[in-house]
Amino acid sequence: MRSDGWMDETVPTPRVETGGEGAAVPTFTWILGGVALLLMLALCGLWSLYLLRGQMPTGGPTPTPIIWTPTTA
C-alpha cells in the first residue's frame, strides 16, 4: 500500500558539517564577490556624482574658451 504523504516518500540528505571541507567557501567565490562589490561601489560613486553635478562649488573660476580673432598688424 502506497502512502499519500510526501513526508513518507522523501529521503533526507546528509547534513554538511560546519567545520568540514564541504562548508568552506571557495576562493573563486570570494574573488567574484570582491569584484562585484568594487563594481557596485564604482557604479554608486558615479551615480552620486551624476546626481550632485552642479551642486558642488569648484575650486576656482571655470575656464572659458579662448576665441582667437585675427588682428591687423
N, C-alpha and C. Protein backbone atom coordinates (compact mmCIF):
# COMPACT_ATOMS: atom_id res chain seq x y z
N MET A 1 0.84 -1.18 0.00
CA MET A 1 0.00 0.00 0.00
C MET A 1 0.89 1.25 0.00
N ARG A 2 0.63 2.17 -0.95
CA ARG A 2 1.41 3.39 -1.04
C ARG A 2 0.89 4.43 -0.08
N SER A 3 1.79 5.27 0.37
CA SER A 3 1.42 6.35 1.26
C SER A 3 1.17 7.60 0.43
N ASP A 4 0.18 8.37 0.80
CA ASP A 4 -0.11 9.62 0.10
C ASP A 4 0.64 10.81 0.70
N GLY A 5 1.30 10.61 1.80
CA GLY A 5 2.02 11.72 2.44
C GLY A 5 3.39 11.90 1.82
N TRP A 6 3.72 13.12 1.42
CA TRP A 6 5.00 13.38 0.79
C TRP A 6 6.15 13.25 1.77
N MET A 7 5.86 13.40 3.05
CA MET A 7 6.92 13.27 4.05
C MET A 7 7.43 11.84 4.14
N ASP A 8 6.57 10.88 3.86
CA ASP A 8 6.98 9.48 3.92
C ASP A 8 7.81 9.07 2.71
N GLU A 9 7.73 9.81 1.63
CA GLU A 9 8.41 9.43 0.41
C GLU A 9 9.73 10.16 0.20
N THR A 10 10.02 11.17 1.01
CA THR A 10 11.26 11.92 0.83
C THR A 10 12.41 11.24 1.54
N VAL A 11 13.58 11.41 1.01
CA VAL A 11 14.78 10.86 1.62
C VAL A 11 15.64 12.04 2.03
N PRO A 12 15.94 12.18 3.31
CA PRO A 12 16.74 13.32 3.75
C PRO A 12 18.19 13.19 3.27
N THR A 13 18.78 14.33 2.92
CA THR A 13 20.18 14.34 2.51
C THR A 13 21.05 14.48 3.74
N PRO A 14 22.27 14.01 3.68
CA PRO A 14 23.15 14.15 4.84
C PRO A 14 23.50 15.62 5.07
N ARG A 15 23.65 15.98 6.32
CA ARG A 15 24.00 17.36 6.67
C ARG A 15 25.47 17.63 6.38
N VAL A 16 25.74 18.88 6.05
CA VAL A 16 27.12 19.29 5.83
C VAL A 16 27.69 19.72 7.17
N GLU A 17 28.82 19.18 7.50
CA GLU A 17 29.47 19.55 8.76
C GLU A 17 30.01 20.97 8.62
N THR A 18 29.75 21.81 9.61
CA THR A 18 30.18 23.21 9.53
C THR A 18 31.69 23.35 9.62
N GLY A 19 32.34 22.42 10.25
CA GLY A 19 33.79 22.51 10.36
C GLY A 19 34.51 21.76 9.27
N GLY A 20 33.78 21.11 8.41
CA GLY A 20 34.38 20.28 7.37
C GLY A 20 34.76 21.07 6.14
N GLU A 21 35.35 20.35 5.20
CA GLU A 21 35.80 20.98 3.96
C GLU A 21 34.63 21.35 3.06
N GLY A 22 33.51 20.68 3.18
CA GLY A 22 32.37 20.95 2.32
C GLY A 22 31.70 22.27 2.63
N ALA A 23 31.90 22.81 3.83
CA ALA A 23 31.26 24.07 4.21
C ALA A 23 32.10 25.29 3.86
N ALA A 24 33.34 25.09 3.43
CA ALA A 24 34.22 26.21 3.12
C ALA A 24 33.80 26.88 1.82
N VAL A 25 33.89 28.20 1.79
CA VAL A 25 33.56 28.96 0.58
C VAL A 25 34.80 28.97 -0.31
N PRO A 26 34.66 28.60 -1.58
CA PRO A 26 35.83 28.58 -2.48
C PRO A 26 36.42 29.97 -2.68
N THR A 27 37.71 30.00 -2.97
CA THR A 27 38.41 31.27 -3.18
C THR A 27 37.83 32.03 -4.37
N PHE A 28 37.45 31.30 -5.41
CA PHE A 28 36.88 31.96 -6.59
C PHE A 28 35.61 32.73 -6.23
N THR A 29 34.83 32.19 -5.31
CA THR A 29 33.60 32.88 -4.89
C THR A 29 33.92 34.18 -4.18
N TRP A 30 34.96 34.18 -3.33
CA TRP A 30 35.37 35.41 -2.65
C TRP A 30 35.88 36.44 -3.65
N ILE A 31 36.65 35.99 -4.64
CA ILE A 31 37.17 36.92 -5.65
C ILE A 31 36.03 37.50 -6.47
N LEU A 32 35.10 36.65 -6.87
CA LEU A 32 33.96 37.13 -7.65
C LEU A 32 33.11 38.10 -6.83
N GLY A 33 32.93 37.82 -5.56
CA GLY A 33 32.18 38.73 -4.70
C GLY A 33 32.89 40.07 -4.53
N GLY A 34 34.23 40.03 -4.42
CA GLY A 34 35.00 41.27 -4.30
C GLY A 34 34.92 42.12 -5.55
N VAL A 35 35.00 41.48 -6.71
CA VAL A 35 34.87 42.21 -7.97
C VAL A 35 33.48 42.82 -8.10
N ALA A 36 32.46 42.05 -7.72
CA ALA A 36 31.10 42.57 -7.78
C ALA A 36 30.92 43.75 -6.83
N LEU A 37 31.54 43.67 -5.65
CA LEU A 37 31.46 44.78 -4.68
C LEU A 37 32.15 46.03 -5.23
N LEU A 38 33.32 45.86 -5.84
CA LEU A 38 34.02 47.02 -6.41
C LEU A 38 33.23 47.65 -7.54
N LEU A 39 32.63 46.83 -8.39
CA LEU A 39 31.80 47.38 -9.47
C LEU A 39 30.59 48.12 -8.92
N MET A 40 29.99 47.58 -7.87
CA MET A 40 28.83 48.24 -7.28
C MET A 40 29.23 49.57 -6.65
N LEU A 41 30.37 49.60 -5.95
CA LEU A 41 30.83 50.86 -5.35
C LEU A 41 31.17 51.89 -6.43
N ALA A 42 31.78 51.47 -7.51
CA ALA A 42 32.09 52.40 -8.60
C ALA A 42 30.81 52.93 -9.23
N LEU A 43 29.85 52.06 -9.43
CA LEU A 43 28.58 52.49 -10.00
C LEU A 43 27.86 53.47 -9.08
N CYS A 44 27.85 53.20 -7.79
CA CYS A 44 27.21 54.12 -6.84
C CYS A 44 27.95 55.45 -6.78
N GLY A 45 29.28 55.42 -6.86
CA GLY A 45 30.05 56.65 -6.86
C GLY A 45 29.78 57.51 -8.09
N LEU A 46 29.74 56.87 -9.25
CA LEU A 46 29.44 57.62 -10.47
C LEU A 46 28.01 58.15 -10.46
N TRP A 47 27.10 57.36 -9.92
CA TRP A 47 25.71 57.80 -9.84
C TRP A 47 25.57 58.99 -8.90
N SER A 48 26.31 58.98 -7.78
CA SER A 48 26.23 60.11 -6.86
C SER A 48 26.85 61.36 -7.49
N LEU A 49 27.93 61.20 -8.25
CA LEU A 49 28.49 62.35 -8.96
C LEU A 49 27.51 62.91 -9.98
N TYR A 50 26.78 62.03 -10.64
CA TYR A 50 25.77 62.47 -11.60
C TYR A 50 24.66 63.24 -10.90
N LEU A 51 24.23 62.74 -9.75
CA LEU A 51 23.14 63.42 -9.04
C LEU A 51 23.58 64.76 -8.46
N LEU A 52 24.86 64.88 -8.09
CA LEU A 52 25.34 66.10 -7.45
C LEU A 52 26.00 67.06 -8.44
N ARG A 53 25.85 66.82 -9.74
CA ARG A 53 26.51 67.70 -10.71
C ARG A 53 25.95 69.12 -10.58
N GLY A 54 26.84 70.07 -10.55
CA GLY A 54 26.44 71.47 -10.43
C GLY A 54 26.14 71.89 -9.00
N GLN A 55 26.14 70.98 -8.05
CA GLN A 55 25.84 71.32 -6.67
C GLN A 55 27.10 71.66 -5.88
N MET A 56 28.23 71.09 -6.27
CA MET A 56 29.47 71.31 -5.54
C MET A 56 30.21 72.51 -6.11
N PRO A 57 30.68 73.41 -5.25
CA PRO A 57 31.43 74.56 -5.77
C PRO A 57 32.80 74.12 -6.27
N THR A 58 33.25 74.75 -7.31
CA THR A 58 34.57 74.42 -7.85
C THR A 58 35.63 75.20 -7.11
N GLY A 59 36.88 74.81 -7.27
CA GLY A 59 37.97 75.45 -6.56
C GLY A 59 38.29 76.84 -7.09
N GLY A 60 38.04 77.10 -8.32
CA GLY A 60 38.37 78.39 -8.91
C GLY A 60 37.37 78.74 -9.98
N PRO A 61 37.70 79.76 -10.75
CA PRO A 61 36.77 80.14 -11.82
C PRO A 61 36.73 79.07 -12.90
N THR A 62 35.63 78.98 -13.54
CA THR A 62 35.50 77.99 -14.60
C THR A 62 36.26 78.48 -15.83
N PRO A 63 36.96 77.60 -16.49
CA PRO A 63 37.73 78.03 -17.66
C PRO A 63 36.80 78.39 -18.82
N THR A 64 37.19 79.43 -19.53
CA THR A 64 36.42 79.84 -20.70
C THR A 64 37.26 79.60 -21.94
N PRO A 65 36.63 79.24 -23.03
CA PRO A 65 37.43 79.01 -24.25
C PRO A 65 37.98 80.34 -24.78
N ILE A 66 39.18 80.29 -25.27
CA ILE A 66 39.81 81.47 -25.86
C ILE A 66 39.45 81.50 -27.34
N ILE A 67 38.86 82.59 -27.76
CA ILE A 67 38.48 82.74 -29.16
C ILE A 67 39.52 83.64 -29.82
N TRP A 68 40.25 83.08 -30.73
CA TRP A 68 41.28 83.83 -31.42
C TRP A 68 40.66 84.57 -32.60
N THR A 69 40.85 85.87 -32.61
CA THR A 69 40.36 86.67 -33.73
C THR A 69 41.56 87.26 -34.46
N PRO A 70 41.46 87.33 -35.75
CA PRO A 70 42.59 87.91 -36.49
C PRO A 70 42.70 89.41 -36.21
N THR A 71 43.90 89.85 -36.05
CA THR A 71 44.14 91.28 -35.81
C THR A 71 44.96 91.85 -36.97
N THR A 72 44.78 93.12 -37.20
CA THR A 72 45.56 93.77 -38.25
C THR A 72 46.89 94.20 -37.65
N ALA A 73 47.95 94.04 -38.42
CA ALA A 73 49.27 94.36 -37.91
C ALA A 73 49.64 95.80 -38.09
